[in-house]
Every structure is written in structure tokens, then in C-alpha cells.
Amino acid sequence: MSTSSNIAERRTRHREREFLSFRDIALGSAGELQYQLQVAIGCSAIAQLEGSDSSQRAEEVGKMILGLIRRIKDDLNDADLR
């Protein structure tokens, strides 16, 4: 929820560099979720299979966010060169 909330918060911002900052925060949130899932598995709060599946999904979301961050950085670099 934190990951998507950080991305949604961007809707109130209008600058690309701020947009990039919120994406960085969202990426950190995805990493936090993966850690929290591993702790939950270790404490037997959730089943291994369920936690592993959720952790894989969080990793996929993190990869998507990272791709978006790279794209924004490329766009900003292109704009700086103009």
C-alpha cells in the first residue's frame, strides 16, 4: 500500500524531478515489503508459499518501478541536453 500511495501522491506534483523522487520512495517501499514478508515467513505469521508468492510480486513491482525511474532519468537527461 505504501508503494502505490507514494506513486499516487505524485498526482499533486507537477515537476518531473519530484516525480522521480516519489518513484525512488516507492521503490524503497517495495523493498521494505519484501523484507517484512520474509520476517512474517520466519515468524510463521504467514505460510512459506503465500509469503514467497507475495515477495515475488513485490520484487516484480520493484523492477517495474526501477524501469520507470530509468525512463524518467533518460527523459530528464534528454531535456537537459536540449
N, C-alpha and C. Protein backbone atom coordinates (compact mmCIF):
# COMPACT_ATOMS: atom_id res chain seq x y z
N MET A 1 0.82 -1.19 0.00
CA MET A 1 0.00 0.00 0.00
C MET A 1 0.87 1.26 0.00
N SER A 2 1.97 1.21 0.71
CA SER A 2 2.87 2.36 0.75
C SER A 2 3.44 2.67 -0.63
N THR A 3 3.76 1.61 -1.38
CA THR A 3 4.32 1.80 -2.72
C THR A 3 3.34 2.56 -3.61
N SER A 4 2.13 2.09 -3.70
CA SER A 4 1.15 2.75 -4.56
C SER A 4 0.75 4.12 -4.03
N SER A 5 0.76 4.29 -2.72
CA SER A 5 0.44 5.60 -2.14
C SER A 5 1.48 6.65 -2.53
N ASN A 6 2.74 6.25 -2.53
CA ASN A 6 3.79 7.19 -2.93
C ASN A 6 3.65 7.58 -4.40
N ILE A 7 3.28 6.64 -5.22
CA ILE A 7 3.08 6.94 -6.64
C ILE A 7 1.85 7.83 -6.82
N ALA A 8 0.77 7.52 -6.11
CA ALA A 8 -0.45 8.32 -6.22
C ALA A 8 -0.23 9.76 -5.73
N GLU A 9 0.64 9.92 -4.75
CA GLU A 9 0.91 11.26 -4.23
C GLU A 9 1.49 12.17 -5.31
N ARG A 10 2.12 11.58 -6.29
CA ARG A 10 2.72 12.33 -7.39
C ARG A 10 1.66 13.15 -8.13
N ARG A 11 0.44 12.70 -8.10
CA ARG A 11 -0.62 13.40 -8.84
C ARG A 11 -0.74 14.86 -8.44
N THR A 12 -0.30 15.19 -7.24
CA THR A 12 -0.38 16.58 -6.79
C THR A 12 0.88 17.36 -7.14
N ARG A 13 1.86 16.71 -7.72
CA ARG A 13 3.13 17.36 -8.08
C ARG A 13 3.16 17.60 -9.59
N HIS A 14 3.96 18.57 -9.98
CA HIS A 14 3.96 18.91 -11.39
C HIS A 14 5.35 18.91 -12.03
N ARG A 15 6.37 18.60 -11.28
CA ARG A 15 7.71 18.61 -11.84
C ARG A 15 8.25 17.20 -11.95
N GLU A 16 8.96 16.93 -13.04
CA GLU A 16 9.48 15.59 -13.28
C GLU A 16 10.48 15.16 -12.22
N ARG A 17 11.30 16.08 -11.72
CA ARG A 17 12.29 15.71 -10.70
C ARG A 17 11.60 15.28 -9.40
N GLU A 18 10.49 15.93 -9.07
CA GLU A 18 9.71 15.50 -7.91
C GLU A 18 9.09 14.13 -8.17
N PHE A 19 8.61 13.94 -9.38
CA PHE A 19 8.04 12.66 -9.79
C PHE A 19 9.07 11.55 -9.59
N LEU A 20 10.29 11.81 -9.98
CA LEU A 20 11.38 10.85 -9.82
C LEU A 20 11.63 10.56 -8.34
N SER A 21 11.59 11.57 -7.53
CA SER A 21 11.80 11.40 -6.09
C SER A 21 10.75 10.47 -5.49
N PHE A 22 9.50 10.65 -5.87
CA PHE A 22 8.44 9.79 -5.33
C PHE A 22 8.59 8.36 -5.83
N ARG A 23 9.12 8.19 -7.03
CA ARG A 23 9.37 6.84 -7.54
C ARG A 23 10.47 6.17 -6.74
N ASP A 24 11.49 6.94 -6.36
CA ASP A 24 12.55 6.38 -5.52
C ASP A 24 11.99 5.92 -4.17
N ILE A 25 11.10 6.71 -3.60
CA ILE A 25 10.47 6.35 -2.33
C ILE A 25 9.62 5.10 -2.51
N ALA A 26 8.88 5.02 -3.60
CA ALA A 26 8.05 3.85 -3.88
C ALA A 26 8.92 2.60 -4.04
N LEU A 27 10.08 2.73 -4.67
CA LEU A 27 10.99 1.60 -4.82
C LEU A 27 11.45 1.12 -3.45
N GLY A 28 11.76 2.06 -2.56
CA GLY A 28 12.14 1.69 -1.20
C GLY A 28 11.01 0.98 -0.47
N SER A 29 9.79 1.42 -0.70
CA SER A 29 8.64 0.77 -0.06
C SER A 29 8.47 -0.66 -0.54
N ALA A 30 8.73 -0.90 -1.82
CA ALA A 30 8.65 -2.27 -2.34
C ALA A 30 9.71 -3.15 -1.68
N GLY A 31 10.89 -2.60 -1.47
CA GLY A 31 11.95 -3.34 -0.77
C GLY A 31 11.58 -3.62 0.68
N GLU A 32 10.97 -2.65 1.33
CA GLU A 32 10.51 -2.84 2.71
C GLU A 32 9.49 -3.97 2.79
N LEU A 33 8.58 -4.00 1.83
CA LEU A 33 7.56 -5.04 1.82
C LEU A 33 8.20 -6.42 1.68
N GLN A 34 9.19 -6.55 0.81
CA GLN A 34 9.86 -7.83 0.66
C GLN A 34 10.49 -8.27 1.99
N TYR A 35 11.13 -7.34 2.68
CA TYR A 35 11.73 -7.66 3.97
C TYR A 35 10.66 -8.07 4.98
N GLN A 36 9.59 -7.32 5.05
CA GLN A 36 8.53 -7.62 6.00
C GLN A 36 7.90 -8.99 5.73
N LEU A 37 7.78 -9.35 4.48
CA LEU A 37 7.27 -10.67 4.14
C LEU A 37 8.22 -11.76 4.61
N GLN A 38 9.51 -11.55 4.46
CA GLN A 38 10.48 -12.54 4.91
C GLN A 38 10.42 -12.70 6.43
N VAL A 39 10.26 -11.59 7.14
CA VAL A 39 10.11 -11.65 8.60
C VAL A 39 8.84 -12.41 8.96
N ALA A 40 7.74 -12.12 8.26
CA ALA A 40 6.47 -12.80 8.54
C ALA A 40 6.58 -14.31 8.29
N ILE A 41 7.31 -14.69 7.25
CA ILE A 41 7.52 -16.12 6.99
C ILE A 41 8.36 -16.72 8.11
N GLY A 42 9.42 -16.03 8.49
CA GLY A 42 10.31 -16.52 9.55
C GLY A 42 9.61 -16.68 10.89
N CYS A 43 8.65 -15.83 11.16
CA CYS A 43 7.90 -15.89 12.43
C CYS A 43 6.67 -16.79 12.32
N SER A 44 6.49 -17.42 11.19
CA SER A 44 5.32 -18.27 10.91
C SER A 44 4.00 -17.52 10.98
N ALA A 45 4.06 -16.20 10.71
CA ALA A 45 2.84 -15.40 10.69
C ALA A 45 2.07 -15.64 9.39
N ILE A 46 2.80 -16.00 8.33
CA ILE A 46 2.17 -16.39 7.08
C ILE A 46 2.89 -17.64 6.55
N ALA A 47 2.20 -18.38 5.73
CA ALA A 47 2.76 -19.61 5.18
C ALA A 47 3.89 -19.30 4.20
N GLN A 48 4.85 -20.20 4.13
CA GLN A 48 6.00 -20.05 3.23
C GLN A 48 5.57 -19.79 1.79
N LEU A 49 4.66 -20.59 1.29
CA LEU A 49 4.21 -20.46 -0.11
C LEU A 49 3.55 -19.12 -0.35
N GLU A 50 2.66 -18.74 0.54
CA GLU A 50 1.96 -17.46 0.40
C GLU A 50 2.95 -16.29 0.47
N GLY A 51 3.86 -16.34 1.41
CA GLY A 51 4.84 -15.27 1.57
C GLY A 51 5.79 -15.18 0.40
N SER A 52 6.22 -16.33 -0.11
CA SER A 52 7.14 -16.34 -1.25
C SER A 52 6.47 -15.78 -2.50
N ASP A 53 5.21 -16.15 -2.71
CA ASP A 53 4.46 -15.63 -3.86
C ASP A 53 4.32 -14.11 -3.75
N SER A 54 3.97 -13.63 -2.58
CA SER A 54 3.81 -12.19 -2.38
C SER A 54 5.15 -11.47 -2.53
N SER A 55 6.20 -12.09 -2.05
CA SER A 55 7.53 -11.49 -2.17
C SER A 55 7.95 -11.39 -3.64
N GLN A 56 7.64 -12.41 -4.42
CA GLN A 56 7.94 -12.36 -5.86
C GLN A 56 7.18 -11.23 -6.54
N ARG A 57 5.94 -11.06 -6.15
CA ARG A 57 5.14 -9.97 -6.73
C ARG A 57 5.72 -8.61 -6.36
N ALA A 58 6.15 -8.46 -5.11
CA ALA A 58 6.77 -7.21 -4.67
C ALA A 58 8.05 -6.96 -5.45
N GLU A 59 8.81 -8.02 -5.71
CA GLU A 59 10.04 -7.88 -6.50
C GLU A 59 9.71 -7.43 -7.92
N GLU A 60 8.67 -8.00 -8.51
CA GLU A 60 8.26 -7.60 -9.86
C GLU A 60 7.84 -6.13 -9.90
N VAL A 61 7.10 -5.70 -8.89
CA VAL A 61 6.70 -4.29 -8.82
C VAL A 61 7.94 -3.41 -8.71
N GLY A 62 8.89 -3.83 -7.88
CA GLY A 62 10.14 -3.08 -7.75
C GLY A 62 10.87 -2.95 -9.07
N LYS A 63 10.90 -4.02 -9.85
CA LYS A 63 11.54 -3.98 -11.17
C LYS A 63 10.81 -3.02 -12.11
N MET A 64 9.49 -3.02 -12.04
CA MET A 64 8.71 -2.09 -12.88
C MET A 64 9.00 -0.64 -12.49
N ILE A 65 9.05 -0.39 -11.19
CA ILE A 65 9.34 0.97 -10.71
C ILE A 65 10.74 1.37 -11.14
N LEU A 66 11.70 0.46 -11.03
CA LEU A 66 13.07 0.75 -11.44
C LEU A 66 13.12 1.09 -12.93
N GLY A 67 12.38 0.36 -13.74
CA GLY A 67 12.31 0.67 -15.17
C GLY A 67 11.74 2.06 -15.42
N LEU A 68 10.71 2.42 -14.66
CA LEU A 68 10.12 3.75 -14.78
C LEU A 68 11.11 4.82 -14.36
N ILE A 69 11.85 4.57 -13.28
CA ILE A 69 12.86 5.53 -12.82
C ILE A 69 13.91 5.75 -13.90
N ARG A 70 14.37 4.66 -14.51
CA ARG A 70 15.37 4.79 -15.59
C ARG A 70 14.81 5.60 -16.75
N ARG A 71 13.57 5.35 -17.10
CA ARG A 71 12.94 6.09 -18.20
C ARG A 71 12.85 7.57 -17.88
N ILE A 72 12.44 7.91 -16.67
CA ILE A 72 12.33 9.31 -16.28
C ILE A 72 13.71 9.97 -16.30
N LYS A 73 14.72 9.28 -15.78
CA LYS A 73 16.09 9.83 -15.79
C LYS A 73 16.56 10.06 -17.22
N ASP A 74 16.29 9.12 -18.10
CA ASP A 74 16.67 9.29 -19.51
C ASP A 74 15.97 10.50 -20.11
N ASP A 75 14.67 10.64 -19.83
CA ASP A 75 13.92 11.78 -20.35
C ASP A 75 14.47 13.10 -19.80
N LEU A 76 14.82 13.10 -18.51
CA LEU A 76 15.38 14.33 -17.91
C LEU A 76 16.74 14.65 -18.52
N ASN A 77 17.55 13.62 -18.76
CA ASN A 77 18.85 13.86 -19.38
C ASN A 77 18.70 14.38 -20.80
N ASP A 78 17.73 13.84 -21.53
CA ASP A 78 17.47 14.34 -22.89
C ASP A 78 17.03 15.78 -22.85
N ALA A 79 16.19 16.14 -21.90
CA ALA A 79 15.71 17.52 -21.77
C ALA A 79 16.84 18.46 -21.40
N ASP A 80 17.77 17.99 -20.55
CA ASP A 80 18.91 18.83 -20.16
C ASP A 80 19.85 19.09 -21.32
N LEU A 81 19.89 18.17 -22.29
CA LEU A 81 20.77 18.33 -23.44
C LEU A 81 20.21 19.30 -24.47
N ARG A 82 18.92 19.58 -24.37
CA ARG A 82 18.30 20.49 -25.35
C ARG A 82 18.58 21.91 -25.04
